[in-house]
Amino acid sequence: LLFFYETKKYPDSFWPAPHQMPEMM
């Protein structure tokens, strides 16, 4: 939960891209 709290200014910025990258997925 602290991870979410400490990175709350980036709530969804990291998640759209991985679906286009097999290695990242």
mmCIF file of all heavy atoms, coordinates in Angstrom:
data_MODEL
# 
_entry.id   MODEL 
# 
loop_
_atom_site.group_PDB 
_atom_site.id 
_atom_site.type_symbol 
_atom_site.label_atom_id 
_atom_site.label_alt_id 
_atom_site.label_comp_id 
_atom_site.label_asym_id 
_atom_site.label_entity_id 
_atom_site.label_seq_id 
_atom_site.pdbx_PDB_ins_code 
_atom_site.Cartn_x 
_atom_site.Cartn_y 
_atom_site.Cartn_z 
_atom_site.occupancy 
_atom_site.B_iso_or_equiv 
_atom_site.pdbx_formal_charge 
_atom_site.auth_seq_id 
_atom_site.auth_comp_id 
_atom_site.auth_asym_id 
_atom_site.auth_atom_id 
_atom_site.pdbx_PDB_model_num 
ATOM 1   N N   . LEU A 1 1  ? 0.820  -1.213 0.000   1.00 0.00 ? 1  LEU A N   1 
ATOM 2   C CA  . LEU A 1 1  ? 0.000  0.000  0.000   1.00 0.00 ? 1  LEU A CA  1 
ATOM 3   C C   . LEU A 1 1  ? 0.853  1.261  0.000   1.00 0.00 ? 1  LEU A C   1 
ATOM 4   O O   . LEU A 1 1  ? 0.486  2.262  -0.629  1.00 0.00 ? 1  LEU A O   1 
ATOM 5   C CB  . LEU A 1 1  ? -0.951 -0.003 1.202   1.00 0.00 ? 1  LEU A CB  1 
ATOM 6   C CG  . LEU A 1 1  ? -1.989 -1.135 1.199   1.00 0.00 ? 1  LEU A CG  1 
ATOM 7   C CD1 . LEU A 1 1  ? -2.812 -1.095 2.481   1.00 0.00 ? 1  LEU A CD1 1 
ATOM 8   C CD2 . LEU A 1 1  ? -2.885 -1.077 -0.031  1.00 0.00 ? 1  LEU A CD2 1 
ATOM 9   N N   . LEU A 1 2  ? 1.985  1.236  0.677   1.00 0.00 ? 2  LEU A N   1 
ATOM 10  C CA  . LEU A 1 2  ? 2.876  2.402  0.645   1.00 0.00 ? 2  LEU A CA  1 
ATOM 11  C C   . LEU A 1 2  ? 3.441  2.638  -0.746  1.00 0.00 ? 2  LEU A C   1 
ATOM 12  O O   . LEU A 1 2  ? 3.697  3.779  -1.134  1.00 0.00 ? 2  LEU A O   1 
ATOM 13  C CB  . LEU A 1 2  ? 4.003  2.258  1.668   1.00 0.00 ? 2  LEU A CB  1 
ATOM 14  C CG  . LEU A 1 2  ? 3.636  2.610  3.091   1.00 0.00 ? 2  LEU A CG  1 
ATOM 15  C CD1 . LEU A 1 2  ? 4.775  2.254  4.056   1.00 0.00 ? 2  LEU A CD1 1 
ATOM 16  C CD2 . LEU A 1 2  ? 3.262  4.081  3.222   1.00 0.00 ? 2  LEU A CD2 1 
ATOM 17  N N   . PHE A 1 3  ? 3.636  1.565  -1.509  1.00 0.00 ? 3  PHE A N   1 
ATOM 18  C CA  . PHE A 1 3  ? 4.086  1.736  -2.898  1.00 0.00 ? 3  PHE A CA  1 
ATOM 19  C C   . PHE A 1 3  ? 3.073  2.587  -3.665  1.00 0.00 ? 3  PHE A C   1 
ATOM 20  O O   . PHE A 1 3  ? 3.441  3.516  -4.377  1.00 0.00 ? 3  PHE A O   1 
ATOM 21  C CB  . PHE A 1 3  ? 4.293  0.381  -3.584  1.00 0.00 ? 3  PHE A CB  1 
ATOM 22  C CG  . PHE A 1 3  ? 4.643  0.534  -5.034  1.00 0.00 ? 3  PHE A CG  1 
ATOM 23  C CD1 . PHE A 1 3  ? 5.943  0.849  -5.411  1.00 0.00 ? 3  PHE A CD1 1 
ATOM 24  C CD2 . PHE A 1 3  ? 3.679  0.391  -6.016  1.00 0.00 ? 3  PHE A CD2 1 
ATOM 25  C CE1 . PHE A 1 3  ? 6.271  1.021  -6.753  1.00 0.00 ? 3  PHE A CE1 1 
ATOM 26  C CE2 . PHE A 1 3  ? 3.999  0.553  -7.355  1.00 0.00 ? 3  PHE A CE2 1 
ATOM 27  C CZ  . PHE A 1 3  ? 5.307  0.866  -7.724  1.00 0.00 ? 3  PHE A CZ  1 
ATOM 28  N N   . PHE A 1 4  ? 1.788  2.272  -3.531  1.00 0.00 ? 4  PHE A N   1 
ATOM 29  C CA  . PHE A 1 4  ? 0.756  3.083  -4.184  1.00 0.00 ? 4  PHE A CA  1 
ATOM 30  C C   . PHE A 1 4  ? 0.799  4.522  -3.682  1.00 0.00 ? 4  PHE A C   1 
ATOM 31  O O   . PHE A 1 4  ? 0.689  5.469  -4.453  1.00 0.00 ? 4  PHE A O   1 
ATOM 32  C CB  . PHE A 1 4  ? -0.646 2.515  -3.933  1.00 0.00 ? 4  PHE A CB  1 
ATOM 33  C CG  . PHE A 1 4  ? -0.910 1.182  -4.554  1.00 0.00 ? 4  PHE A CG  1 
ATOM 34  C CD1 . PHE A 1 4  ? -1.718 0.265  -3.909  1.00 0.00 ? 4  PHE A CD1 1 
ATOM 35  C CD2 . PHE A 1 4  ? -0.379 0.826  -5.780  1.00 0.00 ? 4  PHE A CD2 1 
ATOM 36  C CE1 . PHE A 1 4  ? -1.988 -0.971 -4.467  1.00 0.00 ? 4  PHE A CE1 1 
ATOM 37  C CE2 . PHE A 1 4  ? -0.636 -0.409 -6.346  1.00 0.00 ? 4  PHE A CE2 1 
ATOM 38  C CZ  . PHE A 1 4  ? -1.451 -1.308 -5.688  1.00 0.00 ? 4  PHE A CZ  1 
ATOM 39  N N   . TYR A 1 5  ? 0.955  4.678  -2.392  1.00 0.00 ? 5  TYR A N   1 
ATOM 40  C CA  . TYR A 1 5  ? 0.962  6.003  -1.765  1.00 0.00 ? 5  TYR A CA  1 
ATOM 41  C C   . TYR A 1 5  ? 2.152  6.831  -2.255  1.00 0.00 ? 5  TYR A C   1 
ATOM 42  O O   . TYR A 1 5  ? 2.017  8.007  -2.597  1.00 0.00 ? 5  TYR A O   1 
ATOM 43  C CB  . TYR A 1 5  ? 0.993  5.841  -0.247  1.00 0.00 ? 5  TYR A CB  1 
ATOM 44  C CG  . TYR A 1 5  ? 0.964  7.123  0.527   1.00 0.00 ? 5  TYR A CG  1 
ATOM 45  C CD1 . TYR A 1 5  ? -0.218 7.847  0.670   1.00 0.00 ? 5  TYR A CD1 1 
ATOM 46  C CD2 . TYR A 1 5  ? 2.116  7.616  1.138   1.00 0.00 ? 5  TYR A CD2 1 
ATOM 47  C CE1 . TYR A 1 5  ? -0.251 9.028  1.401   1.00 0.00 ? 5  TYR A CE1 1 
ATOM 48  C CE2 . TYR A 1 5  ? 2.089  8.786  1.871   1.00 0.00 ? 5  TYR A CE2 1 
ATOM 49  C CZ  . TYR A 1 5  ? 0.907  9.491  1.992   1.00 0.00 ? 5  TYR A CZ  1 
ATOM 50  O OH  . TYR A 1 5  ? 0.889  10.664 2.710   1.00 0.00 ? 5  TYR A OH  1 
ATOM 51  N N   . GLU A 1 6  ? 3.315  6.207  -2.285  1.00 0.00 ? 6  GLU A N   1 
ATOM 52  C CA  . GLU A 1 6  ? 4.537  6.929  -2.662  1.00 0.00 ? 6  GLU A CA  1 
ATOM 53  C C   . GLU A 1 6  ? 4.632  7.215  -4.152  1.00 0.00 ? 6  GLU A C   1 
ATOM 54  O O   . GLU A 1 6  ? 5.381  8.094  -4.565  1.00 0.00 ? 6  GLU A O   1 
ATOM 55  C CB  . GLU A 1 6  ? 5.762  6.141  -2.186  1.00 0.00 ? 6  GLU A CB  1 
ATOM 56  C CG  . GLU A 1 6  ? 5.871  6.129  -0.666  1.00 0.00 ? 6  GLU A CG  1 
ATOM 57  C CD  . GLU A 1 6  ? 6.838  5.091  -0.131  1.00 0.00 ? 6  GLU A CD  1 
ATOM 58  O OE1 . GLU A 1 6  ? 7.406  4.302  -0.919  1.00 0.00 ? 6  GLU A OE1 1 
ATOM 59  O OE2 . GLU A 1 6  ? 7.006  5.053  1.109   1.00 0.00 ? 6  GLU A OE2 1 
ATOM 60  N N   . THR A 1 7  ? 3.892  6.488  -4.961  1.00 0.00 ? 7  THR A N   1 
ATOM 61  C CA  . THR A 1 7  ? 3.915  6.716  -6.417  1.00 0.00 ? 7  THR A CA  1 
ATOM 62  C C   . THR A 1 7  ? 2.576  7.241  -6.921  1.00 0.00 ? 7  THR A C   1 
ATOM 63  O O   . THR A 1 7  ? 2.280  7.134  -8.103  1.00 0.00 ? 7  THR A O   1 
ATOM 64  C CB  . THR A 1 7  ? 4.298  5.422  -7.162  1.00 0.00 ? 7  THR A CB  1 
ATOM 65  O OG1 . THR A 1 7  ? 3.332  4.407  -6.875  1.00 0.00 ? 7  THR A OG1 1 
ATOM 66  C CG2 . THR A 1 7  ? 5.697  4.956  -6.796  1.00 0.00 ? 7  THR A CG2 1 
ATOM 67  N N   . LYS A 1 8  ? 1.797  7.824  -6.048  1.00 0.00 ? 8  LYS A N   1 
ATOM 68  C CA  . LYS A 1 8  ? 0.441  8.236  -6.412  1.00 0.00 ? 8  LYS A CA  1 
ATOM 69  C C   . LYS A 1 8  ? 0.409  9.314  -7.482  1.00 0.00 ? 8  LYS A C   1 
ATOM 70  O O   . LYS A 1 8  ? -0.586 9.463  -8.168  1.00 0.00 ? 8  LYS A O   1 
ATOM 71  C CB  . LYS A 1 8  ? -0.366 8.632  -5.192  1.00 0.00 ? 8  LYS A CB  1 
ATOM 72  C CG  . LYS A 1 8  ? 0.001  9.933  -4.540  1.00 0.00 ? 8  LYS A CG  1 
ATOM 73  C CD  . LYS A 1 8  ? -0.697 10.152 -3.213  1.00 0.00 ? 8  LYS A CD  1 
ATOM 74  C CE  . LYS A 1 8  ? -2.162 10.319 -3.339  1.00 0.00 ? 8  LYS A CE  1 
ATOM 75  N NZ  . LYS A 1 8  ? -2.862 10.462 -2.076  1.00 0.00 ? 8  LYS A NZ  1 
ATOM 76  N N   . LYS A 1 9  ? 1.502  10.052 -7.653  1.00 0.00 ? 9  LYS A N   1 
ATOM 77  C CA  . LYS A 1 9  ? 1.489  11.070 -8.704  1.00 0.00 ? 9  LYS A CA  1 
ATOM 78  C C   . LYS A 1 9  ? 1.626  10.443 -10.095 1.00 0.00 ? 9  LYS A C   1 
ATOM 79  O O   . LYS A 1 9  ? 1.498  11.128 -11.090 1.00 0.00 ? 9  LYS A O   1 
ATOM 80  C CB  . LYS A 1 9  ? 2.556  12.131 -8.458  1.00 0.00 ? 9  LYS A CB  1 
ATOM 81  C CG  . LYS A 1 9  ? 3.983  11.663 -8.548  1.00 0.00 ? 9  LYS A CG  1 
ATOM 82  C CD  . LYS A 1 9  ? 4.929  12.826 -8.267  1.00 0.00 ? 9  LYS A CD  1 
ATOM 83  C CE  . LYS A 1 9  ? 6.379  12.401 -8.372  1.00 0.00 ? 9  LYS A CE  1 
ATOM 84  N NZ  . LYS A 1 9  ? 7.279  13.507 -8.164  1.00 0.00 ? 9  LYS A NZ  1 
ATOM 85  N N   . TYR A 1 10 ? 1.880  9.157  -10.146 1.00 0.00 ? 10 TYR A N   1 
ATOM 86  C CA  . TYR A 1 10 ? 1.965  8.435  -11.421 1.00 0.00 ? 10 TYR A CA  1 
ATOM 87  C C   . TYR A 1 10 ? 0.912  7.340  -11.507 1.00 0.00 ? 10 TYR A C   1 
ATOM 88  O O   . TYR A 1 10 ? 1.236  6.205  -11.826 1.00 0.00 ? 10 TYR A O   1 
ATOM 89  C CB  . TYR A 1 10 ? 3.326  7.758  -11.590 1.00 0.00 ? 10 TYR A CB  1 
ATOM 90  C CG  . TYR A 1 10 ? 4.522  8.586  -11.245 1.00 0.00 ? 10 TYR A CG  1 
ATOM 91  C CD1 . TYR A 1 10 ? 5.412  8.165  -10.275 1.00 0.00 ? 10 TYR A CD1 1 
ATOM 92  C CD2 . TYR A 1 10 ? 4.770  9.788  -11.899 1.00 0.00 ? 10 TYR A CD2 1 
ATOM 93  C CE1 . TYR A 1 10 ? 6.530  8.913  -9.956  1.00 0.00 ? 10 TYR A CE1 1 
ATOM 94  C CE2 . TYR A 1 10 ? 5.878  10.540 -11.582 1.00 0.00 ? 10 TYR A CE2 1 
ATOM 95  C CZ  . TYR A 1 10 ? 6.758  10.101 -10.615 1.00 0.00 ? 10 TYR A CZ  1 
ATOM 96  O OH  . TYR A 1 10 ? 7.846  10.832 -10.303 1.00 0.00 ? 10 TYR A OH  1 
ATOM 97  N N   . PRO A 1 11 ? -0.339 7.589  -11.233 1.00 0.00 ? 11 PRO A N   1 
ATOM 98  C CA  . PRO A 1 11 ? -1.298 6.488  -11.051 1.00 0.00 ? 11 PRO A CA  1 
ATOM 99  C C   . PRO A 1 11 ? -1.443 5.542  -12.234 1.00 0.00 ? 11 PRO A C   1 
ATOM 100 O O   . PRO A 1 11 ? -1.507 4.343  -12.053 1.00 0.00 ? 11 PRO A O   1 
ATOM 101 C CB  . PRO A 1 11 ? -2.620 7.184  -10.755 1.00 0.00 ? 11 PRO A CB  1 
ATOM 102 C CG  . PRO A 1 11 ? -2.452 8.558  -11.264 1.00 0.00 ? 11 PRO A CG  1 
ATOM 103 C CD  . PRO A 1 11 ? -0.992 8.880  -11.140 1.00 0.00 ? 11 PRO A CD  1 
ATOM 104 N N   . ASP A 1 12 ? -1.494 6.043  -13.425 1.00 0.00 ? 12 ASP A N   1 
ATOM 105 C CA  . ASP A 1 12 ? -1.717 5.148  -14.561 1.00 0.00 ? 12 ASP A CA  1 
ATOM 106 C C   . ASP A 1 12 ? -0.735 5.369  -15.701 1.00 0.00 ? 12 ASP A C   1 
ATOM 107 O O   . ASP A 1 12 ? -0.890 4.793  -16.764 1.00 0.00 ? 12 ASP A O   1 
ATOM 108 C CB  . ASP A 1 12 ? -3.149 5.306  -15.082 1.00 0.00 ? 12 ASP A CB  1 
ATOM 109 C CG  . ASP A 1 12 ? -4.168 4.803  -14.074 1.00 0.00 ? 12 ASP A CG  1 
ATOM 110 O OD1 . ASP A 1 12 ? -3.949 3.702  -13.547 1.00 0.00 ? 12 ASP A OD1 1 
ATOM 111 O OD2 . ASP A 1 12 ? -5.133 5.520  -13.803 1.00 0.00 ? 12 ASP A OD2 1 
ATOM 112 N N   . SER A 1 13 ? 0.273  6.178  -15.475 1.00 0.00 ? 13 SER A N   1 
ATOM 113 C CA  . SER A 1 13 ? 1.192  6.519  -16.551 1.00 0.00 ? 13 SER A CA  1 
ATOM 114 C C   . SER A 1 13 ? 1.985  5.331  -17.073 1.00 0.00 ? 13 SER A C   1 
ATOM 115 O O   . SER A 1 13 ? 2.369  5.300  -18.230 1.00 0.00 ? 13 SER A O   1 
ATOM 116 C CB  . SER A 1 13 ? 2.170  7.594  -16.076 1.00 0.00 ? 13 SER A CB  1 
ATOM 117 O OG  . SER A 1 13 ? 1.471  8.732  -15.674 1.00 0.00 ? 13 SER A OG  1 
ATOM 118 N N   . PHE A 1 14 ? 2.240  4.351  -16.203 1.00 0.00 ? 14 PHE A N   1 
ATOM 119 C CA  . PHE A 1 14 ? 3.072  3.222  -16.618 1.00 0.00 ? 14 PHE A CA  1 
ATOM 120 C C   . PHE A 1 14 ? 2.285  2.114  -17.310 1.00 0.00 ? 14 PHE A C   1 
ATOM 121 O O   . PHE A 1 14 ? 2.865  1.266  -17.961 1.00 0.00 ? 14 PHE A O   1 
ATOM 122 C CB  . PHE A 1 14 ? 3.801  2.633  -15.405 1.00 0.00 ? 14 PHE A CB  1 
ATOM 123 C CG  . PHE A 1 14 ? 5.023  3.401  -15.025 1.00 0.00 ? 14 PHE A CG  1 
ATOM 124 C CD1 . PHE A 1 14 ? 4.969  4.393  -14.064 1.00 0.00 ? 14 PHE A CD1 1 
ATOM 125 C CD2 . PHE A 1 14 ? 6.226  3.152  -15.645 1.00 0.00 ? 14 PHE A CD2 1 
ATOM 126 C CE1 . PHE A 1 14 ? 6.096  5.106  -13.705 1.00 0.00 ? 14 PHE A CE1 1 
ATOM 127 C CE2 . PHE A 1 14 ? 7.365  3.865  -15.310 1.00 0.00 ? 14 PHE A CE2 1 
ATOM 128 C CZ  . PHE A 1 14 ? 7.293  4.838  -14.337 1.00 0.00 ? 14 PHE A CZ  1 
ATOM 129 N N   . TRP A 1 15 ? 0.971  2.072  -17.174 1.00 0.00 ? 15 TRP A N   1 
ATOM 130 C CA  . TRP A 1 15 ? 0.241  0.875  -17.568 1.00 0.00 ? 15 TRP A CA  1 
ATOM 131 C C   . TRP A 1 15 ? -0.251 0.788  -18.999 1.00 0.00 ? 15 TRP A C   1 
ATOM 132 O O   . TRP A 1 15 ? -0.406 -0.321 -19.502 1.00 0.00 ? 15 TRP A O   1 
ATOM 133 C CB  . TRP A 1 15 ? -0.902 0.630  -16.583 1.00 0.00 ? 15 TRP A CB  1 
ATOM 134 C CG  . TRP A 1 15 ? -0.317 0.402  -15.222 1.00 0.00 ? 15 TRP A CG  1 
ATOM 135 C CD1 . TRP A 1 15 ? -0.434 1.209  -14.145 1.00 0.00 ? 15 TRP A CD1 1 
ATOM 136 C CD2 . TRP A 1 15 ? 0.527  -0.669 -14.821 1.00 0.00 ? 15 TRP A CD2 1 
ATOM 137 N NE1 . TRP A 1 15 ? 0.282  0.708  -13.084 1.00 0.00 ? 15 TRP A NE1 1 
ATOM 138 C CE2 . TRP A 1 15 ? 0.884  -0.450 -13.474 1.00 0.00 ? 15 TRP A CE2 1 
ATOM 139 C CE3 . TRP A 1 15 ? 1.023  -1.801 -15.469 1.00 0.00 ? 15 TRP A CE3 1 
ATOM 140 C CZ2 . TRP A 1 15 ? 1.701  -1.312 -12.765 1.00 0.00 ? 15 TRP A CZ2 1 
ATOM 141 C CZ3 . TRP A 1 15 ? 1.837  -2.665 -14.752 1.00 0.00 ? 15 TRP A CZ3 1 
ATOM 142 C CH2 . TRP A 1 15 ? 2.166  -2.412 -13.429 1.00 0.00 ? 15 TRP A CH2 1 
ATOM 143 N N   . PRO A 1 16 ? -0.502 1.861  -19.747 1.00 0.00 ? 16 PRO A N   1 
ATOM 144 C CA  . PRO A 1 16 ? -1.015 1.658  -21.106 1.00 0.00 ? 16 PRO A CA  1 
ATOM 145 C C   . PRO A 1 16 ? -0.033 0.969  -22.053 1.00 0.00 ? 16 PRO A C   1 
ATOM 146 O O   . PRO A 1 16 ? -0.429 0.183  -22.885 1.00 0.00 ? 16 PRO A O   1 
ATOM 147 C CB  . PRO A 1 16 ? -1.313 3.077  -21.597 1.00 0.00 ? 16 PRO A CB  1 
ATOM 148 C CG  . PRO A 1 16 ? -1.495 3.879  -20.370 1.00 0.00 ? 16 PRO A CG  1 
ATOM 149 C CD  . PRO A 1 16 ? -0.586 3.257  -19.337 1.00 0.00 ? 16 PRO A CD  1 
ATOM 150 N N   . ALA A 1 17 ? 1.244  1.244  -21.938 1.00 0.00 ? 17 ALA A N   1 
ATOM 151 C CA  . ALA A 1 17 ? 2.219  0.748  -22.903 1.00 0.00 ? 17 ALA A CA  1 
ATOM 152 C C   . ALA A 1 17 ? 2.503  -0.747 -22.871 1.00 0.00 ? 17 ALA A C   1 
ATOM 153 O O   . ALA A 1 17 ? 2.702  -1.339 -23.925 1.00 0.00 ? 17 ALA A O   1 
ATOM 154 C CB  . ALA A 1 17 ? 3.529  1.531  -22.760 1.00 0.00 ? 17 ALA A CB  1 
ATOM 155 N N   . PRO A 1 18 ? 2.563  -1.415 -21.721 1.00 0.00 ? 18 PRO A N   1 
ATOM 156 C CA  . PRO A 1 18 ? 3.026  -2.802 -21.719 1.00 0.00 ? 18 PRO A CA  1 
ATOM 157 C C   . PRO A 1 18 ? 2.244  -3.738 -22.625 1.00 0.00 ? 18 PRO A C   1 
ATOM 158 O O   . PRO A 1 18 ? 2.785  -4.724 -23.106 1.00 0.00 ? 18 PRO A O   1 
ATOM 159 C CB  . PRO A 1 18 ? 2.876  -3.228 -20.255 1.00 0.00 ? 18 PRO A CB  1 
ATOM 160 C CG  . PRO A 1 18 ? 2.893  -1.991 -19.480 1.00 0.00 ? 18 PRO A CG  1 
ATOM 161 C CD  . PRO A 1 18 ? 2.313  -0.938 -20.367 1.00 0.00 ? 18 PRO A CD  1 
ATOM 162 N N   . HIS A 1 19 ? 0.990  -3.434 -22.854 1.00 0.00 ? 19 HIS A N   1 
ATOM 163 C CA  . HIS A 1 19 ? 0.168  -4.323 -23.674 1.00 0.00 ? 19 HIS A CA  1 
ATOM 164 C C   . HIS A 1 19 ? 0.660  -4.401 -25.116 1.00 0.00 ? 19 HIS A C   1 
ATOM 165 O O   . HIS A 1 19 ? 0.340  -5.348 -25.821 1.00 0.00 ? 19 HIS A O   1 
ATOM 166 C CB  . HIS A 1 19 ? -1.295 -3.877 -23.617 1.00 0.00 ? 19 HIS A CB  1 
ATOM 167 C CG  . HIS A 1 19 ? -1.807 -3.809 -22.218 1.00 0.00 ? 19 HIS A CG  1 
ATOM 168 N ND1 . HIS A 1 19 ? -1.979 -4.928 -21.435 1.00 0.00 ? 19 HIS A ND1 1 
ATOM 169 C CD2 . HIS A 1 19 ? -2.121 -2.759 -21.431 1.00 0.00 ? 19 HIS A CD2 1 
ATOM 170 C CE1 . HIS A 1 19 ? -2.400 -4.571 -20.234 1.00 0.00 ? 19 HIS A CE1 1 
ATOM 171 N NE2 . HIS A 1 19 ? -2.493 -3.259 -20.197 1.00 0.00 ? 19 HIS A NE2 1 
ATOM 172 N N   . GLN A 1 20 ? 1.452  -3.426 -25.526 1.00 0.00 ? 20 GLN A N   1 
ATOM 173 C CA  . GLN A 1 20 ? 2.012  -3.414 -26.877 1.00 0.00 ? 20 GLN A CA  1 
ATOM 174 C C   . GLN A 1 20 ? 3.412  -4.029 -26.931 1.00 0.00 ? 20 GLN A C   1 
ATOM 175 O O   . GLN A 1 20 ? 4.003  -4.103 -27.987 1.00 0.00 ? 20 GLN A O   1 
ATOM 176 C CB  . GLN A 1 20 ? 2.080  -1.971 -27.399 1.00 0.00 ? 20 GLN A CB  1 
ATOM 177 C CG  . GLN A 1 20 ? 0.795  -1.184 -27.271 1.00 0.00 ? 20 GLN A CG  1 
ATOM 178 C CD  . GLN A 1 20 ? -0.358 -1.825 -28.019 1.00 0.00 ? 20 GLN A CD  1 
ATOM 179 O OE1 . GLN A 1 20 ? -0.185 -2.325 -29.114 1.00 0.00 ? 20 GLN A OE1 1 
ATOM 180 N NE2 . GLN A 1 20 ? -1.526 -1.829 -27.409 1.00 0.00 ? 20 GLN A NE2 1 
ATOM 181 N N   . MET A 1 21 ? 3.919  -4.452 -25.785 1.00 0.00 ? 21 MET A N   1 
ATOM 182 C CA  . MET A 1 21 ? 5.290  -4.958 -25.698 1.00 0.00 ? 21 MET A CA  1 
ATOM 183 C C   . MET A 1 21 ? 5.300  -6.364 -25.119 1.00 0.00 ? 21 MET A C   1 
ATOM 184 O O   . MET A 1 21 ? 5.176  -6.537 -23.909 1.00 0.00 ? 21 MET A O   1 
ATOM 185 C CB  . MET A 1 21 ? 6.121  -4.050 -24.784 1.00 0.00 ? 21 MET A CB  1 
ATOM 186 C CG  . MET A 1 21 ? 6.229  -2.633 -25.196 1.00 0.00 ? 21 MET A CG  1 
ATOM 187 S SD  . MET A 1 21 ? 7.143  -1.725 -23.909 1.00 0.00 ? 21 MET A SD  1 
ATOM 188 C CE  . MET A 1 21 ? 6.688  -0.069 -24.336 1.00 0.00 ? 21 MET A CE  1 
ATOM 189 N N   . PRO A 1 22 ? 5.474  -7.355 -25.943 1.00 0.00 ? 22 PRO A N   1 
ATOM 190 C CA  . PRO A 1 22 ? 5.473  -8.734 -25.433 1.00 0.00 ? 22 PRO A CA  1 
ATOM 191 C C   . PRO A 1 22 ? 6.523  -8.979 -24.338 1.00 0.00 ? 22 PRO A C   1 
ATOM 192 O O   . PRO A 1 22 ? 6.239  -9.661 -23.354 1.00 0.00 ? 22 PRO A O   1 
ATOM 193 C CB  . PRO A 1 22 ? 5.775  -9.576 -26.674 1.00 0.00 ? 22 PRO A CB  1 
ATOM 194 C CG  . PRO A 1 22 ? 5.340  -8.722 -27.825 1.00 0.00 ? 22 PRO A CG  1 
ATOM 195 C CD  . PRO A 1 22 ? 5.576  -7.305 -27.398 1.00 0.00 ? 22 PRO A CD  1 
ATOM 196 N N   . GLU A 1 23 ? 7.711  -8.411 -24.491 1.00 0.00 ? 23 GLU A N   1 
ATOM 197 C CA  . GLU A 1 23 ? 8.754  -8.614 -23.472 1.00 0.00 ? 23 GLU A CA  1 
ATOM 198 C C   . GLU A 1 23 ? 8.316  -8.019 -22.129 1.00 0.00 ? 23 GLU A C   1 
ATOM 199 O O   . GLU A 1 23 ? 8.495  -8.626 -21.076 1.00 0.00 ? 23 GLU A O   1 
ATOM 200 C CB  . GLU A 1 23 ? 10.071 -7.980 -23.910 1.00 0.00 ? 23 GLU A CB  1 
ATOM 201 C CG  . GLU A 1 23 ? 11.186 -8.203 -22.913 1.00 0.00 ? 23 GLU A CG  1 
ATOM 202 C CD  . GLU A 1 23 ? 12.503 -7.554 -23.317 1.00 0.00 ? 23 GLU A CD  1 
ATOM 203 O OE1 . GLU A 1 23 ? 12.643 -7.105 -24.475 1.00 0.00 ? 23 GLU A OE1 1 
ATOM 204 O OE2 . GLU A 1 23 ? 13.399 -7.506 -22.460 1.00 0.00 ? 23 GLU A OE2 1 
ATOM 205 N N   . MET A 1 24 ? 7.708  -6.846 -22.181 1.00 0.00 ? 24 MET A N   1 
ATOM 206 C CA  . MET A 1 24 ? 7.251  -6.200 -20.950 1.00 0.00 ? 24 MET A CA  1 
ATOM 207 C C   . MET A 1 24 ? 6.111  -6.983 -20.325 1.00 0.00 ? 24 MET A C   1 
ATOM 208 O O   . MET A 1 24 ? 6.068  -7.140 -19.103 1.00 0.00 ? 24 MET A O   1 
ATOM 209 C CB  . MET A 1 24 ? 6.814  -4.760 -21.259 1.00 0.00 ? 24 MET A CB  1 
ATOM 210 C CG  . MET A 1 24 ? 6.482  -3.941 -20.039 1.00 0.00 ? 24 MET A CG  1 
ATOM 211 S SD  . MET A 1 24 ? 7.907  -3.672 -18.978 1.00 0.00 ? 24 MET A SD  1 
ATOM 212 C CE  . MET A 1 24 ? 7.169  -4.041 -17.400 1.00 0.00 ? 24 MET A CE  1 
ATOM 213 N N   . MET A 1 25 ? 5.200  -7.480 -21.126 1.00 0.00 ? 25 MET A N   1 
ATOM 214 C CA  . MET A 1 25 ? 4.095  -8.282 -20.597 1.00 0.00 ? 25 MET A CA  1 
ATOM 215 C C   . MET A 1 25 ? 4.625  -9.547 -19.927 1.00 0.00 ? 25 MET A C   1 
ATOM 216 O O   . MET A 1 25 ? 4.138  -9.942 -18.867 1.00 0.00 ? 25 MET A O   1 
ATOM 217 C CB  . MET A 1 25 ? 3.088  -8.632 -21.689 1.00 0.00 ? 25 MET A CB  1 
ATOM 218 C CG  . MET A 1 25 ? 2.227  -7.461 -22.126 1.00 0.00 ? 25 MET A CG  1 
ATOM 219 S SD  . MET A 1 25 ? 1.310  -6.709 -20.764 1.00 0.00 ? 25 MET A SD  1 
ATOM 220 C CE  . MET A 1 25 ? 0.200  -8.019 -20.314 1.00 0.00 ? 25 MET A CE  1 
# 
